[in-house]
C-alpha atoms as a PDB file:
ATOM      1  CA  UNK A   1      24.056 -20.156 -10.332  1.00  0.00           C
ATOM      2  CA  UNK A   2      21.243 -22.574  -9.429  1.00  0.00           C
ATOM      3  CA  UNK A   3      18.742 -19.827  -8.610  1.00  0.00           C
ATOM      4  CA  UNK A   4      18.513 -18.516 -12.173  1.00  0.00           C
ATOM      5  CA  UNK A   5      17.305 -21.811 -13.735  1.00  0.00           C
ATOM      6  CA  UNK A   6      14.785 -22.185 -10.916  1.00  0.00           C
ATOM      7  CA  UNK A   7      13.515 -18.647 -11.513  1.00  0.00           C
ATOM      8  CA  UNK A   8      13.313 -19.272 -15.251  1.00  0.00           C
ATOM      9  CA  UNK A   9      11.249 -22.419 -14.671  1.00  0.00           C
ATOM     10  CA  UNK A  10       8.834 -20.574 -12.383  1.00  0.00           C
ATOM     11  CA  UNK A  11       8.498 -17.739 -14.894  1.00  0.00           C
ATOM     12  CA  UNK A  12       7.607 -20.238 -17.625  1.00  0.00           C
ATOM     13  CA  UNK A  13       4.833 -21.646 -15.403  1.00  0.00           C
ATOM     14  CA  UNK A  14       3.345 -18.205 -14.852  1.00  0.00           C
ATOM     15  CA  UNK A  15       3.397 -17.009 -18.436  1.00  0.00           C
ATOM     16  CA  UNK A  16       2.000 -20.281 -19.817  1.00  0.00           C
ATOM     17  CA  UNK A  17      -0.940 -20.658 -17.421  1.00  0.00           C
ATOM     18  CA  UNK A  18      -3.898 -18.732 -18.827  1.00  0.00           C
ATOM     19  CA  UNK A  19      -5.529 -18.286 -15.440  1.00  0.00           C
ATOM     20  CA  UNK A  20      -2.458 -16.493 -14.099  1.00  0.00           C
ATOM     21  CA  UNK A  21      -2.085 -14.265 -17.142  1.00  0.00           C
ATOM     22  CA  UNK A  22      -5.800 -13.564 -16.940  1.00  0.00           C
ATOM     23  CA  UNK A  23      -5.374 -12.582 -13.291  1.00  0.00           C
ATOM     24  CA  UNK A  24      -2.800  -9.949 -14.219  1.00  0.00           C
ATOM     25  CA  UNK A  25      -5.027  -8.593 -16.970  1.00  0.00           C
ATOM     26  CA  UNK A  26      -7.890  -8.445 -14.460  1.00  0.00           C
ATOM     27  CA  UNK A  27      -5.752  -6.278 -12.161  1.00  0.00           C
ATOM     28  CA  UNK A  28      -5.432  -3.686 -14.922  1.00  0.00           C
ATOM     29  CA  UNK A  29      -9.043  -3.818 -16.077  1.00  0.00           C
ATOM     30  CA  UNK A  30     -10.665  -3.802 -12.637  1.00  0.00           C
ATOM     31  CA  UNK A  31      -8.493  -1.008 -11.286  1.00  0.00           C
ATOM     32  CA  UNK A  32      -8.911   1.347 -14.221  1.00  0.00           C
ATOM     33  CA  UNK A  33     -12.636   0.632 -14.587  1.00  0.00           C
ATOM     34  CA  UNK A  34     -13.469   1.374 -10.952  1.00  0.00           C
ATOM     35  CA  UNK A  35     -11.168   4.397 -10.927  1.00  0.00           C
ATOM     36  CA  UNK A  36     -13.122   5.775 -13.874  1.00  0.00           C
ATOM     37  CA  UNK A  37     -16.431   5.110 -12.117  1.00  0.00           C
ATOM     38  CA  UNK A  38     -15.184   6.833  -8.950  1.00  0.00           C
ATOM     39  CA  UNK A  39     -14.306   9.906 -10.990  1.00  0.00           C
ATOM     40  CA  UNK A  40     -17.889  10.170 -12.223  1.00  0.00           C
ATOM     41  CA  UNK A  41     -19.062  10.899  -8.683  1.00  0.00           C
ATOM     42  CA  UNK A  42     -19.172  14.693  -8.553  1.00  0.00           C
ATOM     43  CA  UNK A  43     -20.539  14.976  -5.020  1.00  0.00           C
ATOM     44  CA  UNK A  44     -17.239  16.485  -3.862  1.00  0.00           C
ATOM     45  CA  UNK A  45     -17.198  17.838  -0.318  1.00  0.00           C
ATOM     46  CA  UNK A  46     -14.480  18.906   2.072  1.00  0.00           C
ATOM     47  CA  UNK A  47     -13.202  15.344   2.433  1.00  0.00           C
ATOM     48  CA  UNK A  48     -12.770  14.853  -1.316  1.00  0.00           C
ATOM     49  CA  UNK A  49      -9.357  13.333  -2.061  1.00  0.00           C
ATOM     50  CA  UNK A  50      -8.541  13.624  -5.786  1.00  0.00           C
ATOM     51  CA  UNK A  51      -5.519  11.325  -5.563  1.00  0.00           C
ATOM     52  CA  UNK A  52      -7.455   8.516  -3.913  1.00  0.00           C
ATOM     53  CA  UNK A  53     -10.307   9.038  -6.382  1.00  0.00           C
ATOM     54  CA  UNK A  54      -7.841   8.551  -9.251  1.00  0.00           C
ATOM     55  CA  UNK A  55      -6.589   5.306  -7.703  1.00  0.00           C
ATOM     56  CA  UNK A  56      -9.866   4.218  -6.109  1.00  0.00           C
ATOM     57  CA  UNK A  57      -9.983   1.137  -8.326  1.00  0.00           C
ATOM     58  CA  UNK A  58      -7.004  -0.365  -6.474  1.00  0.00           C
ATOM     59  CA  UNK A  59      -9.475  -1.427  -3.776  1.00  0.00           C
ATOM     60  CA  UNK A  60     -10.966  -3.806  -6.352  1.00  0.00           C
ATOM     61  CA  UNK A  61      -7.875  -4.522  -8.429  1.00  0.00           C
ATOM     62  CA  UNK A  62      -6.176  -5.909  -5.337  1.00  0.00           C
ATOM     63  CA  UNK A  63      -8.664  -8.795  -5.377  1.00  0.00           C
ATOM     64  CA  UNK A  64      -7.283  -9.839  -8.757  1.00  0.00           C
ATOM     65  CA  UNK A  65      -3.731  -9.361  -7.434  1.00  0.00           C
ATOM     66  CA  UNK A  66      -4.239 -11.652  -4.447  1.00  0.00           C
ATOM     67  CA  UNK A  67      -5.979 -14.164  -6.706  1.00  0.00           C
ATOM     68  CA  UNK A  68      -2.908 -14.169  -8.952  1.00  0.00           C
ATOM     69  CA  UNK A  69      -0.540 -14.674  -6.023  1.00  0.00           C
ATOM     70  CA  UNK A  70      -2.664 -17.384  -4.420  1.00  0.00           C
ATOM     71  CA  UNK A  71      -3.183 -19.323  -7.655  1.00  0.00           C
ATOM     72  CA  UNK A  72       0.494 -19.185  -8.587  1.00  0.00           C
ATOM     73  CA  UNK A  73       1.362 -21.048  -5.387  1.00  0.00           C
ATOM     74  CA  UNK A  74      -1.711 -23.225  -4.881  1.00  0.00           C
ATOM     75  CA  UNK A  75      -1.284 -24.713  -8.366  1.00  0.00           C
ATOM     76  CA  UNK A  76       1.786 -26.518  -6.995  1.00  0.00           C
ATOM     77  CA  UNK A  77      -0.402 -28.502  -4.584  1.00  0.00           C
ATOM     78  CA  UNK A  78      -2.589 -29.951  -7.314  1.00  0.00           C
ATOM     79  CA  UNK A  79      -1.853 -33.214  -9.101  1.00  0.00           C
ATOM     80  CA  UNK A  80       1.539 -33.732  -7.487  1.00  0.00           C
ATOM     81  CA  UNK A  81       3.053 -30.669  -9.187  1.00  0.00           C
ATOM     82  CA  UNK A  82       5.046 -29.780  -6.081  1.00  0.00           C
ATOM     83  CA  UNK A  83       6.854 -33.117  -6.097  1.00  0.00           C
ATOM     84  CA  UNK A  84       7.914 -32.513  -9.680  1.00  0.00           C
ATOM     85  CA  UNK A  85       9.090 -28.983  -8.852  1.00  0.00           C
ATOM     86  CA  UNK A  86      11.115 -30.186  -5.866  1.00  0.00           C
ATOM     87  CA  UNK A  87      12.645 -32.969  -7.913  1.00  0.00           C
ATOM     88  CA  UNK A  88      14.002 -30.315 -10.266  1.00  0.00           C
ATOM     89  CA  UNK A  89      14.928 -27.936  -7.401  1.00  0.00           C
ATOM     90  CA  UNK A  90      15.556 -30.004  -4.241  1.00  0.00           C
ATOM     91  CA  UNK A  91      16.409 -26.923  -2.163  1.00  0.00           C
ATOM     92  CA  UNK A  92      12.947 -25.954  -0.974  1.00  0.00           C
ATOM     93  CA  UNK A  93      13.953 -22.484   0.199  1.00  0.00           C
ATOM     94  CA  UNK A  94      15.538 -21.706  -3.168  1.00  0.00           C
ATOM     95  CA  UNK A  95      12.456 -22.992  -4.962  1.00  0.00           C
ATOM     96  CA  UNK A  96      10.084 -20.879  -2.880  1.00  0.00           C
ATOM     97  CA  UNK A  97      12.279 -17.809  -3.282  1.00  0.00           C
ATOM     98  CA  UNK A  98      12.232 -18.323  -7.052  1.00  0.00           C
ATOM     99  CA  UNK A  99       8.448 -18.665  -6.910  1.00  0.00           C
ATOM    100  CA  UNK A 100       8.143 -15.435  -4.928  1.00  0.00           C
ATOM    101  CA  UNK A 101      10.385 -13.499  -7.325  1.00  0.00           C
ATOM    102  CA  UNK A 102       8.483 -14.902 -10.312  1.00  0.00           C
ATOM    103  CA  UNK A 103       5.270 -13.610  -8.739  1.00  0.00           C
ATOM    104  CA  UNK A 104       6.705 -10.242  -7.734  1.00  0.00           C
ATOM    105  CA  UNK A 105       8.224  -9.395 -11.133  1.00  0.00           C
ATOM    106  CA  UNK A 106       5.094  -9.490 -13.316  1.00  0.00           C
ATOM    107  CA  UNK A 107       3.019  -8.101 -10.447  1.00  0.00           C
ATOM    108  CA  UNK A 108       5.248  -5.041 -10.240  1.00  0.00           C
ATOM    109  CA  UNK A 109       5.247  -4.494 -14.011  1.00  0.00           C
ATOM    110  CA  UNK A 110       1.476  -4.930 -14.153  1.00  0.00           C
ATOM    111  CA  UNK A 111       1.141  -2.590 -11.198  1.00  0.00           C
ATOM    112  CA  UNK A 112       3.145   0.131 -12.922  1.00  0.00           C
ATOM    113  CA  UNK A 113       1.065  -0.188 -16.088  1.00  0.00           C
ATOM    114  CA  UNK A 114      -2.096  -0.225 -13.987  1.00  0.00           C
ATOM    115  CA  UNK A 115      -0.988   2.833 -12.016  1.00  0.00           C
ATOM    116  CA  UNK A 116      -0.222   4.758 -15.193  1.00  0.00           C
ATOM    117  CA  UNK A 117      -3.522   3.768 -16.779  1.00  0.00           C
ATOM    118  CA  UNK A 118      -5.480   4.674 -13.650  1.00  0.00           C
ATOM    119  CA  UNK A 119      -3.763   8.036 -13.486  1.00  0.00           C
ATOM    120  CA  UNK A 120      -4.569   8.783 -17.116  1.00  0.00           C
ATOM    121  CA  UNK A 121      -8.169   7.611 -16.894  1.00  0.00           C
ATOM    122  CA  UNK A 122      -8.851   8.987 -13.429  1.00  0.00           C
ATOM    123  CA  UNK A 123      -7.514  12.492 -14.061  1.00  0.00           C
ATOM    124  CA  UNK A 124      -9.301  12.614 -17.404  1.00  0.00           C
ATOM    125  CA  UNK A 125     -12.637  11.775 -15.800  1.00  0.00           C
ATOM    126  CA  UNK A 126     -12.079  14.139 -12.859  1.00  0.00           C
ATOM    127  CA  UNK A 127     -11.123  17.007 -15.140  1.00  0.00           C
ATOM    128  CA  UNK A 128     -10.599  20.263 -13.248  1.00  0.00           C
ATOM    129  CA  UNK A 129     -11.101  18.519  -9.907  1.00  0.00           C
ATOM    130  CA  UNK A 130      -7.701  16.833 -10.403  1.00  0.00           C
ATOM    131  CA  UNK A 131      -5.887  20.058 -11.294  1.00  0.00           C
ATOM    132  CA  UNK A 132      -4.562  20.455  -7.749  1.00  0.00           C
ATOM    133  CA  UNK A 133      -2.506  17.255  -7.911  1.00  0.00           C
ATOM    134  CA  UNK A 134       1.235  17.829  -8.219  1.00  0.00           C
ATOM    135  CA  UNK A 135       3.549  15.777 -10.408  1.00  0.00           C
ATOM    136  CA  UNK A 136       5.132  14.369  -7.259  1.00  0.00           C
ATOM    137  CA  UNK A 137       1.794  13.185  -5.906  1.00  0.00           C
ATOM    138  CA  UNK A 138       0.890  11.596  -9.216  1.00  0.00           C
ATOM    139  CA  UNK A 139       4.240   9.792  -9.380  1.00  0.00           C
ATOM    140  CA  UNK A 140       3.818   8.630  -5.787  1.00  0.00           C
ATOM    141  CA  UNK A 141       0.401   7.280  -6.680  1.00  0.00           C
ATOM    142  CA  UNK A 142       1.665   5.310  -9.684  1.00  0.00           C
ATOM    143  CA  UNK A 143       4.671   3.839  -7.871  1.00  0.00           C
ATOM    144  CA  UNK A 144       2.674   3.245  -4.701  1.00  0.00           C
ATOM    145  CA  UNK A 145      -0.033   1.477  -6.667  1.00  0.00           C
ATOM    146  CA  UNK A 146       2.539  -0.882  -8.202  1.00  0.00           C
ATOM    147  CA  UNK A 147       4.320  -1.639  -4.942  1.00  0.00           C
ATOM    148  CA  UNK A 148       1.074  -2.123  -3.028  1.00  0.00           C
ATOM    149  CA  UNK A 149      -0.400  -4.566  -5.555  1.00  0.00           C
ATOM    150  CA  UNK A 150       2.877  -6.496  -5.609  1.00  0.00           C
ATOM    151  CA  UNK A 151       2.974  -6.769  -1.825  1.00  0.00           C
ATOM    152  CA  UNK A 152      -0.618  -7.973  -1.692  1.00  0.00           C
ATOM    153  CA  UNK A 153       0.119 -10.640  -4.306  1.00  0.00           C
ATOM    154  CA  UNK A 154       3.096 -11.810  -2.223  1.00  0.00           C
ATOM    155  CA  UNK A 155       1.009 -11.732   0.948  1.00  0.00           C
ATOM    156  CA  UNK A 156      -1.509 -14.044  -0.702  1.00  0.00           C
ATOM    157  CA  UNK A 157       1.284 -16.267  -2.061  1.00  0.00           C
ATOM    158  CA  UNK A 158       2.730 -16.789   1.406  1.00  0.00           C
ATOM    159  CA  UNK A 159      -0.666 -17.564   2.895  1.00  0.00           C
ATOM    160  CA  UNK A 160      -1.440 -19.994   0.064  1.00  0.00           C
ATOM    161  CA  UNK A 161       1.779 -21.881   0.823  1.00  0.00           C
ATOM    162  CA  UNK A 162       0.609 -22.304   4.411  1.00  0.00           C
ATOM    163  CA  UNK A 163      -2.987 -23.261   3.592  1.00  0.00           C
ATOM    164  CA  UNK A 164      -2.063 -25.213   0.422  1.00  0.00           C
ATOM    165  CA  UNK A 165      -5.273 -24.044  -1.183  1.00  0.00           C
ATOM    166  CA  UNK A 166      -6.138 -21.081  -3.351  1.00  0.00           C
ATOM    167  CA  UNK A 167      -9.804 -21.348  -2.413  1.00  0.00           C
ATOM    168  CA  UNK A 168      -9.041 -21.287   1.311  1.00  0.00           C
ATOM    169  CA  UNK A 169      -6.690 -18.341   0.858  1.00  0.00           C
ATOM    170  CA  UNK A 170      -9.235 -16.303  -1.061  1.00  0.00           C
ATOM    171  CA  UNK A 171     -11.994 -17.318   1.359  1.00  0.00           C
ATOM    172  CA  UNK A 172      -9.990 -15.590   4.092  1.00  0.00           C
ATOM    173  CA  UNK A 173      -8.513 -12.608   2.256  1.00  0.00           C
ATOM    174  CA  UNK A 174     -11.436 -11.463   0.109  1.00  0.00           C
ATOM    175  CA  UNK A 175     -13.931 -11.073   3.002  1.00  0.00           C
ATOM    176  CA  UNK A 176     -11.160  -9.536   5.079  1.00  0.00           C
ATOM    177  CA  UNK A 177     -10.371  -6.884   2.473  1.00  0.00           C
ATOM    178  CA  UNK A 178     -13.966  -6.129   1.521  1.00  0.00           C
ATOM    179  CA  UNK A 179     -15.719  -6.409   4.883  1.00  0.00           C
ATOM    180  CA  UNK A 180     -13.610  -6.960   7.991  1.00  0.00           C
ATOM    181  CA  UNK A 181     -11.117  -4.188   7.289  1.00  0.00           C
ATOM    182  CA  UNK A 182     -13.893  -1.600   6.940  1.00  0.00           C
ATOM    183  CA  UNK A 183     -15.651  -2.780  10.104  1.00  0.00           C
ATOM    184  CA  UNK A 184     -12.456  -2.760  12.151  1.00  0.00           C
ATOM    185  CA  UNK A 185     -11.490   0.566  10.678  1.00  0.00           C
ATOM    186  CA  UNK A 186     -14.724   2.140  11.778  1.00  0.00           C
ATOM    187  CA  UNK A 187     -14.727   0.647  15.256  1.00  0.00           C
ATOM    188  CA  UNK A 188     -11.160   0.574  16.540  1.00  0.00           C
ATOM    189  CA  UNK A 189      -9.479   3.855  15.654  1.00  0.00           C
ATOM    190  CA  UNK A 190      -5.818   3.612  14.827  1.00  0.00           C
ATOM    191  CA  UNK A 191      -5.706  -0.203  14.964  1.00  0.00           C
ATOM    192  CA  UNK A 192      -6.925  -0.281  11.349  1.00  0.00           C
ATOM    193  CA  UNK A 193      -3.948   1.836  10.285  1.00  0.00           C
ATOM    194  CA  UNK A 194      -1.773  -1.250  10.713  1.00  0.00           C
ATOM    195  CA  UNK A 195      -3.899  -3.662   8.712  1.00  0.00           C
ATOM    196  CA  UNK A 196      -2.158  -4.632   5.459  1.00  0.00           C
ATOM    197  CA  UNK A 197      -4.630  -2.968   3.111  1.00  0.00           C
ATOM    198  CA  UNK A 198      -5.303   0.199   5.105  1.00  0.00           C
ATOM    199  CA  UNK A 199      -1.611   0.761   5.765  1.00  0.00           C
ATOM    200  CA  UNK A 200      -0.531   0.216   2.168  1.00  0.00           C
ATOM    201  CA  UNK A 201      -3.258   2.378   0.673  1.00  0.00           C
ATOM    202  CA  UNK A 202      -2.052   5.388   2.656  1.00  0.00           C
ATOM    203  CA  UNK A 203       0.313   6.013  -0.259  1.00  0.00           C
ATOM    204  CA  UNK A 204      -2.715   6.588  -2.491  1.00  0.00           C
ATOM    205  CA  UNK A 205      -4.096   9.437  -0.387  1.00  0.00           C
ATOM    206  CA  UNK A 206      -3.165  13.055  -0.956  1.00  0.00           C
ATOM    207  CA  UNK A 207      -2.697  13.534   2.790  1.00  0.00           C
ATOM    208  CA  UNK A 208      -2.409  10.924   5.516  1.00  0.00           C
ATOM    209  CA  UNK A 209      -5.521  10.664   7.690  1.00  0.00           C
ATOM    210  CA  UNK A 210      -4.087   8.109  10.112  1.00  0.00           C
ATOM    211  CA  UNK A 211      -0.850   7.753  12.020  1.00  0.00           C
ATOM    212  CA  UNK A 212       1.157   6.340   9.135  1.00  0.00           C
ATOM    213  CA  UNK A 213       2.690   8.269   6.265  1.00  0.00           C
ATOM    214  CA  UNK A 214       2.560   6.947   2.706  1.00  0.00           C
ATOM    215  CA  UNK A 215       5.876   5.096   2.700  1.00  0.00           C
ATOM    216  CA  UNK A 216       5.618   3.990   6.322  1.00  0.00           C
ATOM    217  CA  UNK A 217       2.245   2.485   5.410  1.00  0.00           C
ATOM    218  CA  UNK A 218       3.785   0.524   2.569  1.00  0.00           C
ATOM    219  CA  UNK A 219       6.465  -0.596   5.014  1.00  0.00           C
ATOM    220  CA  UNK A 220       3.780  -2.045   7.275  1.00  0.00           C
ATOM    221  CA  UNK A 221       2.235  -3.894   4.328  1.00  0.00           C
ATOM    222  CA  UNK A 222       5.708  -5.164   3.418  1.00  0.00           C
ATOM    223  CA  UNK A 223       6.055  -6.580   6.938  1.00  0.00           C
ATOM    224  CA  UNK A 224       2.738  -8.417   6.542  1.00  0.00           C
ATOM    225  CA  UNK A 225       3.909  -9.825   3.201  1.00  0.00           C
ATOM    226  CA  UNK A 226       7.308 -10.805   4.641  1.00  0.00           C
ATOM    227  CA  UNK A 227       5.628 -12.529   7.572  1.00  0.00           C
ATOM    228  CA  UNK A 228       3.354 -14.501   5.235  1.00  0.00           C
ATOM    229  CA  UNK A 229       6.289 -15.497   3.015  1.00  0.00           C
ATOM    230  CA  UNK A 230       8.355 -16.629   6.009  1.00  0.00           C
ATOM    231  CA  UNK A 231       5.398 -18.725   7.174  1.00  0.00           C
ATOM    232  CA  UNK A 232       5.192 -20.113   3.646  1.00  0.00           C
ATOM    233  CA  UNK A 233       8.891 -21.037   3.677  1.00  0.00           C
ATOM    234  CA  UNK A 234       8.442 -22.782   7.011  1.00  0.00           C
ATOM    235  CA  UNK A 235       5.436 -24.705   5.700  1.00  0.00           C
ATOM    236  CA  UNK A 236       7.195 -25.797   2.517  1.00  0.00           C
ATOM    237  CA  UNK A 237      10.283 -26.908   4.429  1.00  0.00           C
ATOM    238  CA  UNK A 238       8.510 -28.790   7.215  1.00  0.00           C
ATOM    239  CA  UNK A 239       5.578 -30.435   5.489  1.00  0.00           C
ATOM    240  CA  UNK A 240       5.536 -33.307   3.028  1.00  0.00           C
ATOM    241  CA  UNK A 241       5.203 -32.500  -0.662  1.00  0.00           C
END
């Protein structure tokens, strides 16, 4: 089967590029570090959400995840690398699918490790304030963390294929995630519930504040990622290498 060799080649690229491996490590470190810092805030209050506090660092770890996804694709548009890749795998759709799977696999594994580490660190720092979390909620948080980070990496990968630049991709996504999403969320009611980050992070809340449930929210983020990947496929197929 021609897909397997293509996938193997893309996996070799990812595991041998230090910047990409470093991006995955940064997902783990940033998420757990900021989750620990969030747990140190003992202000509490009626709106305190122990589950989101445990996984608060995902808001920052996702920056490393989108950087990983964007760099994995944008590297192909530097120094004629894409022409070499397409010489080995002439079917552009198959090549891009292999690239997407090669990004999703390590992202998911890293996300699971990150979710487990955040849960351990976050609950430890929270102490008794995390005692109300059930095993089901904790499992949902770990799995949701992994799936969300994977989807955001794929979202960035698709956008990078369209823009053909990691810098351009990050210049759009980073301000959007850190600034625009919060502004829109505060000014437009339920519209923000359908933004990729707000929707996906619903799975990290103990109870849904918006109109989307935890898994429905991840479904919305998956649609954003699928749309970006389809746009990426179109770009790769239609434009010159």
